[in-house]
Amino acid sequence: MITKNDVINLITKKLPNSYVIVENLKGHDHLQVTVVASEFNGLSLVKQHQLVYSALKEELASEAIHALALKTETPN
């Protein structure tokens, strides 16, 4: 089972300047994740999401994370 802290750590390892919020939607494998990162500046929404998915690649492939609702933003 993956924890909220595991998800936060994986994302911040890939995007060190990010702020991450993780919420359980159903059980521990259906998550809503919001990531605010300066690394997203100038990137399309698709590229932003690809960065986050790459940080969670193994967890998604193994279905430790079964469903992921993702929001990405740049800081104000």
PDB file of N, CA and C in Angstrom:
ATOM      1  N   MET A   1       0.842  -1.186   0.000  1.00  0.00           N
ATOM      2  CA  MET A   1       0.000   0.000   0.000  1.00  0.00           C
ATOM      3  C   MET A   1       0.886   1.248   0.000  1.00  0.00           C
ATOM      4  N   ILE A   2       0.567   2.177  -0.852  1.00  0.00           N
ATOM      5  CA  ILE A   2       1.306   3.427  -0.935  1.00  0.00           C
ATOM      6  C   ILE A   2       0.635   4.460  -0.018  1.00  0.00           C
ATOM      7  N   THR A   3       1.452   5.248   0.658  1.00  0.00           N
ATOM      8  CA  THR A   3       0.909   6.263   1.561  1.00  0.00           C
ATOM      9  C   THR A   3       0.950   7.639   0.893  1.00  0.00           C
ATOM     10  N   LYS A   4       0.219   8.573   1.488  1.00  0.00           N
ATOM     11  CA  LYS A   4       0.255   9.953   0.998  1.00  0.00           C
ATOM     12  C   LYS A   4       1.678  10.483   1.020  1.00  0.00           C
ATOM     13  N   ASN A   5       2.414  10.206   2.097  1.00  0.00           N
ATOM     14  CA  ASN A   5       3.798  10.676   2.201  1.00  0.00           C
ATOM     15  C   ASN A   5       4.693  10.072   1.127  1.00  0.00           C
ATOM     16  N   ASP A   6       4.458   8.802   0.769  1.00  0.00           N
ATOM     17  CA  ASP A   6       5.222   8.173  -0.314  1.00  0.00           C
ATOM     18  C   ASP A   6       5.021   8.942  -1.616  1.00  0.00           C
ATOM     19  N   VAL A   7       3.779   9.270  -1.919  1.00  0.00           N
ATOM     20  CA  VAL A   7       3.462   9.998  -3.152  1.00  0.00           C
ATOM     21  C   VAL A   7       4.127  11.376  -3.130  1.00  0.00           C
ATOM     22  N   ILE A   8       4.000  12.076  -2.024  1.00  0.00           N
ATOM     23  CA  ILE A   8       4.622  13.402  -1.899  1.00  0.00           C
ATOM     24  C   ILE A   8       6.126  13.307  -2.091  1.00  0.00           C
ATOM     25  N   ASN A   9       6.752  12.322  -1.459  1.00  0.00           N
ATOM     26  CA  ASN A   9       8.209  12.165  -1.580  1.00  0.00           C
ATOM     27  C   ASN A   9       8.643  11.851  -3.005  1.00  0.00           C
ATOM     28  N   LEU A  10       7.909  10.995  -3.690  1.00  0.00           N
ATOM     29  CA  LEU A  10       8.257  10.658  -5.077  1.00  0.00           C
ATOM     30  C   LEU A  10       8.148  11.869  -5.993  1.00  0.00           C
ATOM     31  N   ILE A  11       7.102  12.651  -5.815  1.00  0.00           N
ATOM     32  CA  ILE A  11       6.914  13.829  -6.666  1.00  0.00           C
ATOM     33  C   ILE A  11       7.946  14.901  -6.346  1.00  0.00           C
ATOM     34  N   THR A  12       8.204  15.153  -5.069  1.00  0.00           N
ATOM     35  CA  THR A  12       9.181  16.195  -4.720  1.00  0.00           C
ATOM     36  C   THR A  12      10.610  15.777  -5.058  1.00  0.00           C
ATOM     37  N   LYS A  13      10.851  14.484  -5.167  1.00  0.00           N
ATOM     38  CA  LYS A  13      12.170  14.024  -5.633  1.00  0.00           C
ATOM     39  C   LYS A  13      12.368  14.425  -7.100  1.00  0.00           C
ATOM     40  N   LYS A  14      11.315  14.290  -7.895  1.00  0.00           N
ATOM     41  CA  LYS A  14      11.359  14.641  -9.322  1.00  0.00           C
ATOM     42  C   LYS A  14      11.241  16.155  -9.530  1.00  0.00           C
ATOM     43  N   LEU A  15      10.424  16.806  -8.708  1.00  0.00           N
ATOM     44  CA  LEU A  15      10.170  18.243  -8.813  1.00  0.00           C
ATOM     45  C   LEU A  15      10.474  18.886  -7.454  1.00  0.00           C
ATOM     46  N   PRO A  16      11.749  19.150  -7.176  1.00  0.00           N
ATOM     47  CA  PRO A  16      12.165  19.568  -5.823  1.00  0.00           C
ATOM     48  C   PRO A  16      11.522  20.853  -5.311  1.00  0.00           C
ATOM     49  N   ASN A  17      11.091  21.732  -6.186  1.00  0.00           N
ATOM     50  CA  ASN A  17      10.507  22.998  -5.743  1.00  0.00           C
ATOM     51  C   ASN A  17       8.989  22.958  -5.699  1.00  0.00           C
ATOM     52  N   SER A  18       8.433  21.760  -5.641  1.00  0.00           N
ATOM     53  CA  SER A  18       6.975  21.633  -5.736  1.00  0.00           C
ATOM     54  C   SER A  18       6.304  21.597  -4.368  1.00  0.00           C
ATOM     55  N   TYR A  19       5.021  21.944  -4.404  1.00  0.00           N
ATOM     56  CA  TYR A  19       4.116  21.824  -3.260  1.00  0.00           C
ATOM     57  C   TYR A  19       3.073  20.797  -3.677  1.00  0.00           C
ATOM     58  N   VAL A  20       2.900  19.750  -2.881  1.00  0.00           N
ATOM     59  CA  VAL A  20       2.049  18.627  -3.273  1.00  0.00           C
ATOM     60  C   VAL A  20       0.980  18.373  -2.219  1.00  0.00           C
ATOM     61  N   ILE A  21      -0.259  18.207  -2.690  1.00  0.00           N
ATOM     62  CA  ILE A  21      -1.377  17.828  -1.824  1.00  0.00           C
ATOM     63  C   ILE A  21      -1.923  16.501  -2.352  1.00  0.00           C
ATOM     64  N   VAL A  22      -2.065  15.522  -1.466  1.00  0.00           N
ATOM     65  CA  VAL A  22      -2.596  14.213  -1.847  1.00  0.00           C
ATOM     66  C   VAL A  22      -3.842  13.930  -1.012  1.00  0.00           C
ATOM     67  N   GLU A  23      -4.917  13.547  -1.699  1.00  0.00           N
ATOM     68  CA  GLU A  23      -6.161  13.185  -1.024  1.00  0.00           C
ATOM     69  C   GLU A  23      -6.595  11.802  -1.487  1.00  0.00           C
ATOM     70  N   ASN A  24      -7.055  10.995  -0.551  1.00  0.00           N
ATOM     71  CA  ASN A  24      -7.617   9.688  -0.900  1.00  0.00           C
ATOM     72  C   ASN A  24      -9.049   9.887  -1.365  1.00  0.00           C
ATOM     73  N   LEU A  25      -9.366   9.384  -2.553  1.00  0.00           N
ATOM     74  CA  LEU A  25     -10.730   9.465  -3.063  1.00  0.00           C
ATOM     75  C   LEU A  25     -11.519   8.218  -2.699  1.00  0.00           C
ATOM     76  N   LYS A  26     -10.858   7.072  -2.739  1.00  0.00           N
ATOM     77  CA  LYS A  26     -11.500   5.795  -2.434  1.00  0.00           C
ATOM     78  C   LYS A  26     -10.391   4.825  -2.064  1.00  0.00           C
ATOM     79  N   GLY A  27     -10.382   4.390  -0.849  1.00  0.00           N
ATOM     80  CA  GLY A  27      -9.302   3.512  -0.420  1.00  0.00           C
ATOM     81  C   GLY A  27      -7.985   4.259  -0.448  1.00  0.00           C
ATOM     82  N   HIS A  28      -6.911   3.524  -0.604  1.00  0.00           N
ATOM     83  CA  HIS A  28      -5.594   4.165  -0.659  1.00  0.00           C
ATOM     84  C   HIS A  28      -4.997   4.121  -2.057  1.00  0.00           C
ATOM     85  N   ASP A  29      -5.743   3.612  -3.028  1.00  0.00           N
ATOM     86  CA  ASP A  29      -5.191   3.511  -4.377  1.00  0.00           C
ATOM     87  C   ASP A  29      -5.904   4.394  -5.396  1.00  0.00           C
ATOM     88  N   HIS A  30      -6.896   5.158  -4.968  1.00  0.00           N
ATOM     89  CA  HIS A  30      -7.573   6.149  -5.800  1.00  0.00           C
ATOM     90  C   HIS A  30      -7.255   7.511  -5.206  1.00  0.00           C
ATOM     91  N   LEU A  31      -6.428   8.277  -5.901  1.00  0.00           N
ATOM     92  CA  LEU A  31      -5.904   9.508  -5.332  1.00  0.00           C
ATOM     93  C   LEU A  31      -6.227  10.729  -6.172  1.00  0.00           C
ATOM     94  N   GLN A  32      -6.379  11.849  -5.493  1.00  0.00           N
ATOM     95  CA  GLN A  32      -6.400  13.150  -6.153  1.00  0.00           C
ATOM     96  C   GLN A  32      -5.129  13.859  -5.706  1.00  0.00           C
ATOM     97  N   VAL A  33      -4.343  14.278  -6.674  1.00  0.00           N
ATOM     98  CA  VAL A  33      -3.062  14.918  -6.382  1.00  0.00           C
ATOM     99  C   VAL A  33      -3.024  16.288  -7.043  1.00  0.00           C
ATOM    100  N   THR A  34      -2.671  17.289  -6.257  1.00  0.00           N
ATOM    101  CA  THR A  34      -2.463  18.639  -6.766  1.00  0.00           C
ATOM    102  C   THR A  34      -0.991  18.961  -6.601  1.00  0.00           C
ATOM    103  N   VAL A  35      -0.373  19.423  -7.686  1.00  0.00           N
ATOM    104  CA  VAL A  35       1.043  19.762  -7.656  1.00  0.00           C
ATOM    105  C   VAL A  35       1.216  21.189  -8.155  1.00  0.00           C
ATOM    106  N   VAL A  36       1.855  22.014  -7.343  1.00  0.00           N
ATOM    107  CA  VAL A  36       2.200  23.378  -7.730  1.00  0.00           C
ATOM    108  C   VAL A  36       3.718  23.415  -7.827  1.00  0.00           C
ATOM    109  N   ALA A  37       4.234  23.744  -9.017  1.00  0.00           N
ATOM    110  CA  ALA A  37       5.683  23.690  -9.215  1.00  0.00           C
ATOM    111  C   ALA A  37       6.147  24.752 -10.203  1.00  0.00           C
ATOM    112  N   SER A  38       7.231  25.400  -9.862  1.00  0.00           N
ATOM    113  CA  SER A  38       7.829  26.382 -10.773  1.00  0.00           C
ATOM    114  C   SER A  38       8.380  25.702 -12.022  1.00  0.00           C
ATOM    115  N   GLU A  39       8.685  24.414 -11.926  1.00  0.00           N
ATOM    116  CA  GLU A  39       9.179  23.659 -13.088  1.00  0.00           C
ATOM    117  C   GLU A  39       8.135  23.578 -14.198  1.00  0.00           C
ATOM    118  N   PHE A  40       6.879  23.855 -13.889  1.00  0.00           N
ATOM    119  CA  PHE A  40       5.809  23.819 -14.892  1.00  0.00           C
ATOM    120  C   PHE A  40       5.754  25.082 -15.741  1.00  0.00           C
ATOM    121  N   ASN A  41       6.456  26.141 -15.353  1.00  0.00           N
ATOM    122  CA  ASN A  41       6.427  27.393 -16.110  1.00  0.00           C
ATOM    123  C   ASN A  41       6.786  27.148 -17.568  1.00  0.00           C
ATOM    124  N   GLY A  42       5.925  27.597 -18.462  1.00  0.00           N
ATOM    125  CA  GLY A  42       6.173  27.476 -19.898  1.00  0.00           C
ATOM    126  C   GLY A  42       5.825  26.120 -20.488  1.00  0.00           C
ATOM    127  N   LEU A  43       5.369  25.179 -19.669  1.00  0.00           N
ATOM    128  CA  LEU A  43       5.025  23.855 -20.178  1.00  0.00           C
ATOM    129  C   LEU A  43       3.517  23.738 -20.397  1.00  0.00           C
ATOM    130  N   SER A  44       3.154  22.969 -21.402  1.00  0.00           N
ATOM    131  CA  SER A  44       1.731  22.695 -21.631  1.00  0.00           C
ATOM    132  C   SER A  44       1.205  21.822 -20.488  1.00  0.00           C
ATOM    133  N   LEU A  45      -0.104  21.772 -20.357  1.00  0.00           N
ATOM    134  CA  LEU A  45      -0.722  20.938 -19.334  1.00  0.00           C
ATOM    135  C   LEU A  45      -0.323  19.473 -19.507  1.00  0.00           C
ATOM    136  N   VAL A  46      -0.249  19.018 -20.748  1.00  0.00           N
ATOM    137  CA  VAL A  46       0.148  17.636 -21.035  1.00  0.00           C
ATOM    138  C   VAL A  46       1.570  17.382 -20.525  1.00  0.00           C
ATOM    139  N   LYS A  47       2.487  18.286 -20.797  1.00  0.00           N
ATOM    140  CA  LYS A  47       3.879  18.131 -20.343  1.00  0.00           C
ATOM    141  C   LYS A  47       3.962  18.167 -18.817  1.00  0.00           C
ATOM    142  N   GLN A  48       3.157  19.016 -18.196  1.00  0.00           N
ATOM    143  CA  GLN A  48       3.131  19.074 -16.729  1.00  0.00           C
ATOM    144  C   GLN A  48       2.696  17.728 -16.160  1.00  0.00           C
ATOM    145  N   HIS A  49       1.634  17.179 -16.719  1.00  0.00           N
ATOM    146  CA  HIS A  49       1.124  15.900 -16.235  1.00  0.00           C
ATOM    147  C   HIS A  49       2.124  14.783 -16.499  1.00  0.00           C
ATOM    148  N   GLN A  50       2.797  14.824 -17.639  1.00  0.00           N
ATOM    149  CA  GLN A  50       3.794  13.801 -17.950  1.00  0.00           C
ATOM    150  C   GLN A  50       4.926  13.800 -16.928  1.00  0.00           C
ATOM    151  N   LEU A  51       5.328  14.972 -16.461  1.00  0.00           N
ATOM    152  CA  LEU A  51       6.363  15.048 -15.420  1.00  0.00           C
ATOM    153  C   LEU A  51       5.915  14.353 -14.142  1.00  0.00           C
ATOM    154  N   VAL A  52       4.688  14.605 -13.748  1.00  0.00           N
ATOM    155  CA  VAL A  52       4.176  13.979 -12.522  1.00  0.00           C
ATOM    156  C   VAL A  52       4.020  12.476 -12.733  1.00  0.00           C
ATOM    157  N   TYR A  53       3.464  12.057 -13.867  1.00  0.00           N
ATOM    158  CA  TYR A  53       3.316  10.627 -14.143  1.00  0.00           C
ATOM    159  C   TYR A  53       4.671   9.927 -14.138  1.00  0.00           C
ATOM    160  N   SER A  54       5.707  10.586 -14.635  1.00  0.00           N
ATOM    161  CA  SER A  54       7.035   9.966 -14.655  1.00  0.00           C
ATOM    162  C   SER A  54       7.567   9.760 -13.241  1.00  0.00           C
ATOM    163  N   ALA A  55       7.183  10.618 -12.317  1.00  0.00           N
ATOM    164  CA  ALA A  55       7.601  10.462 -10.924  1.00  0.00           C
ATOM    165  C   ALA A  55       6.898   9.274 -10.263  1.00  0.00           C
ATOM    166  N   LEU A  56       5.721   8.925 -10.773  1.00  0.00           N
ATOM    167  CA  LEU A  56       4.913   7.858 -10.175  1.00  0.00           C
ATOM    168  C   LEU A  56       4.813   6.628 -11.085  1.00  0.00           C
ATOM    169  N   LYS A  57       5.715   6.543 -12.042  1.00  0.00           N
ATOM    170  CA  LYS A  57       5.661   5.511 -13.080  1.00  0.00           C
ATOM    171  C   LYS A  57       5.533   4.091 -12.513  1.00  0.00           C
ATOM    172  N   GLU A  58       6.396   3.729 -11.582  1.00  0.00           N
ATOM    173  CA  GLU A  58       6.374   2.373 -11.028  1.00  0.00           C
ATOM    174  C   GLU A  58       5.105   2.096 -10.234  1.00  0.00           C
ATOM    175  N   GLU A  59       4.653   3.091  -9.480  1.00  0.00           N
ATOM    176  CA  GLU A  59       3.462   2.917  -8.654  1.00  0.00           C
ATOM    177  C   GLU A  59       2.207   2.772  -9.509  1.00  0.00           C
ATOM    178  N   LEU A  60       2.172   3.472 -10.637  1.00  0.00           N
ATOM    179  CA  LEU A  60       1.046   3.332 -11.563  1.00  0.00           C
ATOM    180  C   LEU A  60       1.104   1.985 -12.281  1.00  0.00           C
ATOM    181  N   ALA A  61       2.299   1.562 -12.695  1.00  0.00           N
ATOM    182  CA  ALA A  61       2.455   0.296 -13.416  1.00  0.00           C
ATOM    183  C   ALA A  61       2.097  -0.899 -12.531  1.00  0.00           C
ATOM    184  N   SER A  62       2.450  -0.828 -11.259  1.00  0.00           N
ATOM    185  CA  SER A  62       2.173  -1.934 -10.336  1.00  0.00           C
ATOM    186  C   SER A  62       0.763  -1.871  -9.763  1.00  0.00           C
ATOM    187  N   GLU A  63       0.041  -0.795 -10.084  1.00  0.00           N
ATOM    188  CA  GLU A  63      -1.298  -0.512  -9.587  1.00  0.00           C
ATOM    189  C   GLU A  63      -1.341  -0.283  -8.078  1.00  0.00           C
ATOM    190  N   ALA A  64      -0.194   0.112  -7.496  1.00  0.00           N
ATOM    191  CA  ALA A  64      -0.208   0.617  -6.124  1.00  0.00           C
ATOM    192  C   ALA A  64      -1.081   1.876  -6.112  1.00  0.00           C
ATOM    193  N   ILE A  65      -1.035   2.602  -7.246  1.00  0.00           N
ATOM    194  CA  ILE A  65      -1.979   3.692  -7.508  1.00  0.00           C
ATOM    195  C   ILE A  65      -2.847   3.216  -8.663  1.00  0.00           C
ATOM    196  N   HIS A  66      -4.117   2.987  -8.365  1.00  0.00           N
ATOM    197  CA  HIS A  66      -5.026   2.455  -9.380  1.00  0.00           C
ATOM    198  C   HIS A  66      -5.644   3.572 -10.218  1.00  0.00           C
ATOM    199  N   ALA A  67      -5.981   4.696  -9.565  1.00  0.00           N
ATOM    200  CA  ALA A  67      -6.593   5.824 -10.259  1.00  0.00           C
ATOM    201  C   ALA A  67      -5.978   7.108  -9.722  1.00  0.00           C
ATOM    202  N   LEU A  68      -5.719   8.034 -10.641  1.00  0.00           N
ATOM    203  CA  LEU A  68      -5.066   9.283 -10.264  1.00  0.00           C
ATOM    204  C   LEU A  68      -5.777  10.461 -10.926  1.00  0.00           C
ATOM    205  N   ALA A  69      -6.376  11.311 -10.106  1.00  0.00           N
ATOM    206  CA  ALA A  69      -6.934  12.573 -10.582  1.00  0.00           C
ATOM    207  C   ALA A  69      -5.859  13.613 -10.324  1.00  0.00           C
ATOM    208  N   LEU A  70      -5.425  14.290 -11.372  1.00  0.00           N
ATOM    209  CA  LEU A  70      -4.248  15.153 -11.267  1.00  0.00           C
ATOM    210  C   LEU A  70      -4.569  16.590 -11.643  1.00  0.00           C
ATOM    211  N   LYS A  71      -4.131  17.511 -10.787  1.00  0.00           N
ATOM    212  CA  LYS A  71      -4.202  18.946 -11.074  1.00  0.00           C
ATOM    213  C   LYS A  71      -2.785  19.483 -10.973  1.00  0.00           C
ATOM    214  N   THR A  72      -2.390  20.275 -11.956  1.00  0.00           N
ATOM    215  CA  THR A  72      -1.069  20.907 -11.903  1.00  0.00           C
ATOM    216  C   THR A  72      -1.211  22.405 -12.103  1.00  0.00           C
ATOM    217  N   GLU A  73      -0.350  23.155 -11.414  1.00  0.00           N
ATOM    218  CA  GLU A  73      -0.381  24.614 -11.495  1.00  0.00           C
ATOM    219  C   GLU A  73       1.031  25.151 -11.351  1.00  0.00           C
ATOM    220  N   THR A  74       1.189  26.377 -11.820  1.00  0.00           N
ATOM    221  CA  THR A  74       2.429  27.107 -11.539  1.00  0.00           C
ATOM    222  C   THR A  74       2.161  28.037 -10.362  1.00  0.00           C
ATOM    223  N   PRO A  75       3.189  28.356  -9.578  1.00  0.00           N
ATOM    224  CA  PRO A  75       2.966  29.273  -8.443  1.00  0.00           C
ATOM    225  C   PRO A  75       2.613  30.675  -8.933  1.00  0.00           C
ATOM    226  N   ASN A  76       1.878  31.418  -8.140  1.00  0.00           N
ATOM    227  CA  ASN A  76       1.495  32.784  -8.495  1.00  0.00           C
ATOM    228  C   ASN A  76       2.681  33.714  -8.414  1.00  0.00           C
TER     229      ASN A  76
END
